[in-house]
Protein backbone atom coordinates (compact mmCIF):
# COMPACT_ATOMS: atom_id res chain seq x y z
CA MET A 1 -0.03 0.22 -0.02
CA SER A 2 1.34 3.11 -1.10
CA ASP A 3 1.86 6.12 1.55
CA VAL A 4 -0.12 9.57 0.48
CA ARG A 5 1.09 12.56 1.86
CA ALA A 6 -0.36 16.07 1.56
CA ASP A 7 1.76 19.04 1.12
CA LEU A 8 -0.32 21.25 2.59
CA PRO A 9 1.47 24.26 2.57
CA ALA A 10 2.11 23.70 -0.88
CA ILE A 11 -1.57 23.21 -1.63
CA GLU A 12 -2.06 26.18 0.57
CA ALA A 13 -0.17 28.77 -1.31
CA PHE A 14 -2.31 27.49 -4.47
CA ALA A 15 -5.33 28.67 -2.83
CA ASP A 16 -3.50 32.16 -2.43
CA ARG A 17 -2.23 32.62 -5.52
CA THR A 18 -6.27 31.55 -6.78
CA ILE A 19 -7.70 34.22 -4.64
CA VAL A 20 -4.76 36.70 -6.46
CA ARG A 21 -5.79 35.69 -9.55
CA ARG A 22 -9.75 36.86 -8.87
CA ASP A 23 -8.25 40.38 -7.66
CA HIS A 24 -5.97 40.55 -11.13
CA LEU A 25 -9.54 39.59 -12.67
CA ASP A 26 -11.43 42.40 -10.60
CA GLN A 27 -8.61 44.84 -12.19
CA ILE A 28 -9.34 43.36 -15.76
CA ARG A 29 -13.50 43.63 -15.24
CA SER A 30 -12.06 47.27 -14.38
CA GLN A 31 -10.33 48.25 -17.39
CA LEU A 32 -13.37 46.93 -19.00
CA ASN A 33 -15.71 48.88 -18.10
CA SER A 34 -13.35 52.50 -18.35
CA THR A 35 -13.56 51.10 -22.03
CA ARG A 36 -17.23 52.43 -22.86
CA LEU A 37 -17.70 54.59 -25.34
CA PRO A 38 -20.26 57.54 -26.02
CA ARG A 39 -22.80 56.36 -28.59
CA ASP A 40 -21.59 58.82 -31.57
CA ALA A 41 -18.16 57.18 -30.95
CA PHE A 42 -18.27 55.22 -34.56
CA GLY A 43 -19.84 58.02 -36.09
CA TYR A 44 -23.20 59.37 -37.35
CA VAL A 45 -24.16 57.35 -40.34
CA PRO A 46 -27.41 56.53 -40.17
CA GLY A 47 -28.18 53.17 -38.96
CA ILE A 48 -24.55 52.17 -39.20
CA GLY A 49 -23.00 54.18 -36.27
CA GLY A 50 -25.84 53.37 -33.49
CA LYS A 51 -25.51 49.27 -34.33
CA VAL A 52 -21.65 49.38 -34.16
CA HIS A 53 -21.64 51.06 -30.83
CA ASP A 54 -24.64 48.74 -29.88
CA ALA A 55 -22.33 45.41 -30.90
CA TYR A 56 -19.55 47.08 -28.83
CA GLU A 57 -21.23 47.93 -25.93
CA GLU A 58 -22.47 44.34 -25.78
CA PHE A 59 -18.76 42.82 -25.99
CA VAL A 60 -17.23 44.93 -23.41
CA ALA A 61 -20.92 44.00 -21.06
CA GLN A 62 -20.30 40.63 -21.56
CA CYS A 63 -16.45 40.29 -21.34
CA ALA A 64 -16.76 42.27 -17.77
CA GLU A 65 -19.87 39.87 -17.16
CA ALA A 66 -17.71 36.91 -17.81
CA THR A 67 -14.54 38.34 -16.18
CA GLU A 68 -16.90 39.08 -12.77
CA MET A 69 -17.62 35.38 -13.47
CA ALA A 70 -14.10 34.09 -13.09
CA SER A 71 -13.48 36.23 -10.30
CA GLU A 72 -16.03 34.92 -8.32
CA ILE A 73 -15.54 31.23 -9.08
CA GLU A 74 -11.57 31.90 -8.90
CA LEU A 75 -12.69 33.58 -4.70
CA ALA A 76 -14.68 30.88 -3.68
CA LEU A 77 -12.21 28.08 -5.17
CA GLY A 78 -9.48 29.52 -3.20
CA ARG A 79 -11.71 29.49 0.27
CA ARG A 80 -12.67 25.79 -0.61
CA ILE A 81 -8.75 24.72 -0.95
CA HIS A 82 -7.87 26.73 2.04
CA LYS A 83 -11.39 24.71 4.09
CA ALA A 84 -10.16 21.35 2.77
CA VAL A 85 -6.74 21.64 3.81
CA ASP A 86 -8.17 22.62 8.01
CA LEU A 87 -10.08 19.76 7.32
CA ILE A 88 -7.32 17.70 6.42
CA ALA A 89 -4.96 18.88 9.16
CA GLN A 90 -7.79 17.83 11.35
CA THR A 91 -8.45 14.27 10.21
CA ASP A 92 -4.47 13.96 10.30
CA GLN A 93 -4.53 15.32 14.21
CA PHE A 94 -7.37 12.88 15.04
CA SER A 95 -5.67 10.35 13.36
CA ALA A 96 -2.37 10.89 15.02
CA ASP A 97 -3.84 11.54 18.52
CA ASP A 98 -5.96 8.02 18.31
CA LEU A 99 -2.91 6.15 16.88
CA ASP A 100 -1.43 7.84 19.99
CA GLU A 101 -3.57 6.40 22.51
CA THR A 102 -3.91 2.73 20.59
CA LEU A 103 -0.08 2.48 21.43
CA HIS A 104 0.08 3.93 24.36
CA PRO A 105 -3.04 4.03 26.17
CA GLY A 106 -3.59 5.86 29.13
CA VAL A 107 -0.94 8.40 28.47
CA GLN A 108 -1.12 11.53 28.79
């Protein structure tokens, strides 16, 4: 039977990097929101300028929304990884305590 060990500090570092990626995604979303243009930015050609502007606005809005969703996922993932590390550490401590009690009954 193989011995499986989790490198908890490495896993926590990964969770921290995941949360940092979330912060980066928030910056990108903010930059996307700052790329809004006035309605006349694509000219005054009847029927075309407005359509181009509408398509551009929809594209920017969808990119910002997708980035926000990805940001929320990164945060949730980072938090859940931290929670998993805590649970693994608790399980390891319980197992160590149980083994110690088995090997040395009644010794504190």
